[in-house]
Amino acid sequence: MKPPPFEYHAPRDLGEALEILAGAGAHGKVLAGGQSLIPMLNMRLAAPDHLVDINRLDPLSSIDAGPAGVTVGALARHAEVERAAPHPLMVQALRLVAHPVIRNRGTVVGSLVHADPAAELPAVLAVLDGSVRLARRAEGGAATRDVPAGAFFTGPMESAAEPGELAVSAFFPALPPRTGTAFREVARRHGDYALAGVCAVVTLDEDLHISAARVGCVGVGPVPIVVDVTEACDRRPAATVPWPEVVRAVRDRAEPDGDVHASAAYRLHLVGVLTEQALKDAAREAAA
């Protein structure tokens, strides 16, 4: 199929891009990697009047790692971020994203704005309490606002980005000492969207007891589901954690739907199994 007609724009700087987006409003779409947008256009699931190609905005390709965390620009490709390895959980997640040819073009920020609840990166941003920076045209330049992950994902394929706004970067906070991470998922084939997935972040104290533990769930709700399971882990060493209680705490928050690929009951079962596996993996990494 072919996409519906649209007016193509190729701005040379951020100010021009924001000017075009402000004029297009709800009828504009941003093209970065295009790995989600182009198929949607071809299947007529999206029909913007204006397509704004930001690939000439080189400053948005940055990957900046510092003591506080990692800031990823809107044009940083999955493969570039994976090679840079600025954050362990991001790398673990990116290895599960689609196939190499997709990761060579797709962008981290684009995946966040696409807000697919079955995608890995929204869950990573959510479990880390990261944020997305949005920019819009303002008098004398650009106005920006930072939206925390908990407020950014508003529904399936829906985010807090408003018409006329451009997501210019995403911030992934750094991990505290003695913290391990893990990402587990089950897909019909490697590279497919996961039937369910869980990313985990576990911090240990000096006695190697779990002092903090969070999981982010993929594919079992309209948005990434984040559950703090520190209390359920009872601040014990991983080997003595009451895992049935931890699994129950996560399953109680899950809201899976059934489809042709898997029933809701099967997804609920998977998220419990993957929660235990991911938390054990993360605790093992933290203790290493």
Protein backbone atom coordinates (compact mmCIF):
# COMPACT_ATOMS: atom_id res chain seq x y z
CA MET A 1 0.00 0.00 0.00
CA LYS A 2 0.98 3.62 -0.45
CA PRO A 3 0.68 6.36 2.15
CA PRO A 4 -1.96 9.08 1.82
CA PRO A 5 -0.74 12.40 0.34
CA PHE A 6 1.09 14.78 2.63
CA GLU A 7 3.32 17.84 2.44
CA TYR A 8 6.95 16.99 3.15
CA HIS A 9 9.16 19.35 5.19
CA ALA A 10 12.91 19.06 5.79
CA PRO A 11 13.88 21.78 8.30
CA ARG A 12 17.55 22.69 8.68
CA ASP A 13 17.47 23.72 12.33
CA LEU A 14 15.36 23.25 15.45
CA GLY A 15 13.71 26.66 15.21
CA GLU A 16 12.48 25.93 11.68
CA ALA A 17 11.20 22.51 12.76
CA LEU A 18 9.25 23.98 15.65
CA GLU A 19 7.84 26.70 13.40
CA ILE A 20 6.53 24.09 10.96
CA LEU A 21 5.11 21.92 13.74
CA ALA A 22 3.38 24.89 15.31
CA GLY A 23 1.68 25.63 12.01
CA ALA A 24 0.76 22.00 11.38
CA GLY A 25 -0.68 21.42 14.85
CA ALA A 26 -2.56 18.13 15.13
CA HIS A 27 -2.11 17.54 11.39
CA GLY A 28 1.68 17.14 11.61
CA LYS A 29 3.86 14.09 12.22
CA VAL A 30 7.58 13.95 12.94
CA LEU A 31 9.83 11.61 10.94
CA ALA A 32 13.04 10.48 12.68
CA GLY A 33 13.82 6.78 12.24
CA GLY A 34 10.45 6.07 10.65
CA GLN A 35 10.45 2.38 11.62
CA SER A 36 6.99 2.69 13.17
CA LEU A 37 5.62 5.72 11.33
CA ILE A 38 6.24 4.56 7.75
CA PRO A 39 4.36 1.25 8.16
CA MET A 40 1.50 3.14 9.81
CA LEU A 41 1.37 5.56 6.88
CA ASN A 42 1.43 2.73 4.36
CA MET A 43 -1.39 0.92 6.15
CA ARG A 44 -3.36 4.18 6.39
CA LEU A 45 -3.36 4.01 10.17
CA ALA A 46 -1.94 7.55 10.17
CA ALA A 47 -2.78 10.27 7.67
CA PRO A 48 -0.98 13.53 8.53
CA ASP A 49 -1.20 16.53 6.25
CA HIS A 50 2.40 17.44 7.05
CA LEU A 51 5.44 15.19 7.55
CA VAL A 52 8.35 16.94 9.29
CA ASP A 53 11.67 15.17 8.66
CA ILE A 54 14.11 16.11 11.44
CA ASN A 55 17.06 14.04 10.18
CA ARG A 56 19.05 17.15 9.25
CA LEU A 57 19.04 18.41 12.86
CA ASP A 58 22.46 16.99 13.74
CA PRO A 59 22.59 18.37 17.33
CA LEU A 60 19.74 15.99 18.18
CA SER A 61 22.01 12.97 17.56
CA SER A 62 23.86 13.35 20.86
CA ILE A 63 24.34 10.69 23.54
CA ASP A 64 25.56 12.39 26.73
CA ALA A 65 26.46 10.30 29.79
CA GLY A 66 27.20 11.94 33.11
CA PRO A 67 27.09 11.23 36.86
CA ALA A 68 23.35 11.92 37.00
CA GLY A 69 22.41 9.77 34.03
CA VAL A 70 22.21 9.57 30.25
CA THR A 71 20.58 12.07 27.92
CA VAL A 72 19.73 10.67 24.50
CA GLY A 73 18.91 13.04 21.64
CA ALA A 74 15.95 12.56 19.33
CA LEU A 75 18.08 11.30 16.44
CA ALA A 76 20.25 8.82 18.38
CA ARG A 77 19.67 5.43 16.75
CA HIS A 78 19.08 2.25 18.71
CA ALA A 79 22.30 0.74 17.37
CA GLU A 80 24.35 3.84 18.24
CA VAL A 81 23.09 3.84 21.82
CA GLU A 82 23.67 0.11 22.12
CA ARG A 83 27.29 0.50 20.94
CA ALA A 84 27.88 3.47 23.25
CA ALA A 85 26.57 1.35 26.17
CA PRO A 86 25.85 4.39 28.35
CA HIS A 87 23.43 2.54 30.68
CA PRO A 88 23.28 -1.21 31.42
CA LEU A 89 19.50 -1.56 31.39
CA MET A 90 19.22 0.34 28.10
CA VAL A 91 21.73 -2.02 26.49
CA GLN A 92 19.89 -5.08 27.80
CA ALA A 93 16.64 -3.74 26.38
CA LEU A 94 18.05 -2.63 23.03
CA ARG A 95 19.38 -6.11 22.30
CA LEU A 96 15.76 -7.28 22.33
CA VAL A 97 14.40 -4.57 20.02
CA ALA A 98 13.38 -5.97 16.63
CA HIS A 99 16.28 -6.80 14.26
CA PRO A 100 19.63 -5.10 13.44
CA VAL A 101 18.29 -3.42 10.30
CA ILE A 102 15.52 -1.82 12.38
CA ARG A 103 17.91 -0.80 15.15
CA ASN A 104 20.19 0.88 12.60
CA ARG A 105 17.44 3.38 11.73
CA GLY A 106 15.01 3.43 14.64
CA THR A 107 15.52 6.02 17.38
CA VAL A 108 15.26 5.68 21.14
CA VAL A 109 13.19 8.85 21.57
CA GLY A 110 10.97 7.90 18.64
CA SER A 111 10.17 4.61 20.36
CA LEU A 112 9.21 6.48 23.52
CA VAL A 113 6.92 8.90 21.69
CA HIS A 114 5.33 6.01 19.77
CA ALA A 115 4.34 4.74 23.24
CA ASP A 116 3.65 1.14 22.27
CA PRO A 117 2.96 -0.72 25.55
CA ALA A 118 4.57 -3.84 24.03
CA ALA A 119 7.87 -2.02 23.37
CA GLU A 120 10.91 -2.35 25.62
CA LEU A 121 12.20 1.22 25.92
CA PRO A 122 9.07 2.80 27.44
CA ALA A 123 9.30 0.26 30.27
CA VAL A 124 12.98 1.08 30.78
CA LEU A 125 12.28 4.81 31.03
CA ALA A 126 9.38 4.16 33.40
CA VAL A 127 11.20 1.80 35.79
CA LEU A 128 14.14 4.25 36.00
CA ASP A 129 11.84 7.26 36.63
CA GLY A 130 13.28 9.00 33.59
CA SER A 131 11.77 11.83 31.59
CA VAL A 132 11.22 13.17 28.08
CA ARG A 133 12.02 16.77 27.09
CA LEU A 134 9.47 18.38 24.79
CA ALA A 135 10.06 21.61 22.87
CA ARG A 136 7.66 24.00 21.15
CA ARG A 137 7.88 27.33 19.40
CA ALA A 138 7.95 30.32 21.72
CA GLU A 139 8.59 34.01 21.34
CA GLY A 140 12.32 34.51 20.98
CA GLY A 141 13.12 30.81 20.50
CA ALA A 142 11.94 27.52 21.94
CA ALA A 143 10.19 26.64 25.18
CA THR A 144 10.86 23.25 26.74
CA ARG A 145 9.25 21.12 29.41
CA ASP A 146 10.38 17.87 31.00
CA VAL A 147 7.67 15.24 31.45
CA PRO A 148 8.38 12.37 33.87
CA ALA A 149 7.79 8.88 32.52
CA GLY A 150 4.89 8.33 34.89
CA ALA A 151 2.99 11.15 33.21
CA PHE A 152 4.39 10.79 29.69
CA PHE A 153 2.72 7.51 28.72
CA THR A 154 -1.02 8.17 28.76
CA GLY A 155 -2.43 5.17 26.86
CA PRO A 156 -1.73 2.70 24.07
CA MET A 157 0.18 4.63 21.39
CA GLU A 158 -0.56 7.85 23.30
CA SER A 159 1.85 10.18 25.04
CA ALA A 160 1.84 13.58 26.70
CA ALA A 161 3.42 15.20 23.62
CA GLU A 162 0.95 17.80 22.41
CA PRO A 163 0.33 19.04 18.85
CA GLY A 164 3.16 21.36 17.85
CA GLU A 165 5.65 19.80 20.28
CA LEU A 166 8.82 17.93 19.39
CA ALA A 167 10.46 15.39 21.72
CA VAL A 168 14.08 16.53 21.60
CA SER A 169 15.64 14.17 24.16
CA ALA A 170 15.06 11.60 26.89
CA PHE A 171 16.83 11.32 30.23
CA PHE A 172 17.63 7.95 31.83
CA PRO A 173 18.82 8.36 35.47
CA ALA A 174 22.03 6.67 36.61
CA LEU A 175 21.93 3.72 38.99
CA PRO A 176 23.11 3.86 42.61
CA PRO A 177 26.04 1.71 43.78
CA ARG A 178 25.47 -2.05 44.19
CA THR A 179 22.60 -2.01 41.71
CA GLY A 180 21.93 -4.66 39.11
CA THR A 181 19.54 -4.72 36.17
CA ALA A 182 17.96 -7.35 33.97
CA PHE A 183 15.45 -7.64 31.13
CA ARG A 184 13.50 -10.81 30.42
CA GLU A 185 10.80 -11.31 27.79
CA VAL A 186 9.04 -14.03 25.80
CA ALA A 187 8.31 -13.55 22.09
CA ARG A 188 7.08 -15.98 19.44
CA ARG A 189 10.28 -15.32 17.48
CA HIS A 190 13.37 -13.29 18.31
CA GLY A 191 12.71 -9.72 17.20
CA ASP A 192 8.92 -9.97 17.46
CA TYR A 193 7.05 -7.86 19.96
CA ALA A 194 7.08 -9.61 23.32
CA LEU A 195 4.01 -11.49 24.53
CA ALA A 196 5.13 -10.19 27.93
CA GLY A 197 8.34 -8.80 29.37
CA VAL A 198 9.81 -7.57 32.64
CA CYS A 199 12.78 -5.31 33.36
CA ALA A 200 14.14 -5.20 36.90
CA VAL A 201 16.33 -2.89 38.95
CA VAL A 202 17.65 -4.23 42.27
CA THR A 203 19.86 -2.43 44.81
CA LEU A 204 21.65 -4.30 47.62
CA ASP A 205 22.88 -2.99 50.95
CA GLU A 206 26.30 -3.73 52.45
CA ASP A 207 25.02 -7.08 53.74
CA LEU A 208 23.79 -8.00 50.24
CA HIS A 209 20.16 -7.74 51.32
CA ILE A 210 17.72 -6.23 48.83
CA SER A 211 17.25 -2.59 49.84
CA ALA A 212 15.25 -1.51 46.77
CA ALA A 213 13.62 -3.38 43.92
CA ARG A 214 11.40 -2.25 41.05
CA VAL A 215 10.06 -3.95 37.96
CA GLY A 216 8.66 -2.53 34.74
CA CYS A 217 6.22 -4.72 32.84
CA VAL A 218 5.83 -4.87 29.05
CA GLY A 219 2.73 -5.95 27.18
CA VAL A 220 0.40 -6.42 30.15
CA GLY A 221 -1.31 -3.05 30.33
CA PRO A 222 -2.19 0.06 28.31
CA VAL A 223 1.05 1.72 29.45
CA PRO A 224 4.27 0.37 31.01
CA ILE A 225 3.39 -0.88 34.48
CA VAL A 226 5.92 -0.15 37.21
CA VAL A 227 5.74 -1.97 40.55
CA ASP A 228 7.93 -1.29 43.57
CA VAL A 229 8.46 -4.72 45.14
CA THR A 230 10.91 -3.68 47.88
CA GLU A 231 8.43 -4.46 50.64
CA ALA A 232 7.48 -7.80 49.08
CA CYS A 233 11.19 -8.73 48.90
CA ASP A 234 11.26 -8.11 52.67
CA ARG A 235 14.81 -6.70 52.50
CA ARG A 236 16.24 -10.23 52.41
CA PRO A 237 19.05 -11.79 50.39
CA ALA A 238 17.73 -12.92 47.02
CA ALA A 239 18.11 -16.58 48.01
CA THR A 240 15.53 -16.21 50.83
CA VAL A 241 13.03 -13.81 49.22
CA PRO A 242 9.39 -15.02 49.39
CA TRP A 243 9.02 -15.08 45.59
CA PRO A 244 5.31 -16.06 45.53
CA GLU A 245 4.50 -12.82 47.37
CA VAL A 246 6.62 -10.77 44.97
CA VAL A 247 4.98 -12.39 41.95
CA ARG A 248 1.53 -11.80 43.44
CA ALA A 249 2.29 -8.10 43.97
CA VAL A 250 3.17 -7.71 40.29
CA ARG A 251 0.34 -9.84 38.91
CA ASP A 252 -2.16 -7.81 40.94
CA ARG A 253 -1.09 -4.71 39.00
CA ALA A 254 -1.06 -6.30 35.54
CA GLU A 255 -3.93 -5.67 33.12
CA PRO A 256 -3.26 -8.01 30.19
CA ASP A 257 -5.52 -8.40 27.18
CA GLY A 258 -5.86 -11.52 25.08
CA ASP A 259 -5.41 -11.64 21.32
CA VAL A 260 -4.56 -14.09 18.53
CA HIS A 261 -1.01 -14.44 19.89
CA ALA A 262 -1.72 -15.18 23.55
CA SER A 263 -4.57 -15.22 26.05
CA ALA A 264 -4.76 -12.77 28.93
CA ALA A 265 -4.27 -15.67 31.36
CA TYR A 266 -1.09 -16.78 29.61
CA ARG A 267 0.33 -13.24 29.64
CA LEU A 268 -0.47 -12.99 33.35
CA HIS A 269 1.35 -16.27 33.95
CA LEU A 270 4.34 -15.08 31.92
CA VAL A 271 4.70 -11.82 33.79
CA GLY A 272 4.92 -13.73 37.07
CA VAL A 273 7.59 -16.12 35.80
CA LEU A 274 9.58 -13.32 34.18
CA THR A 275 9.36 -11.14 37.29
CA GLU A 276 11.08 -13.77 39.40
CA GLN A 277 13.71 -14.47 36.75
CA ALA A 278 14.51 -10.79 36.13
CA LEU A 279 14.74 -9.91 39.82
CA LYS A 280 17.06 -12.86 40.51
CA ASP A 281 19.24 -11.88 37.55
CA ALA A 282 19.41 -8.26 38.69
CA ALA A 283 20.23 -9.24 42.29
CA ARG A 284 22.97 -11.58 41.05
CA GLU A 285 24.49 -8.77 38.96
CA ALA A 286 24.32 -6.36 41.91
CA ALA A 287 26.19 -8.82 44.12
CA ALA A 288 28.91 -9.54 41.55
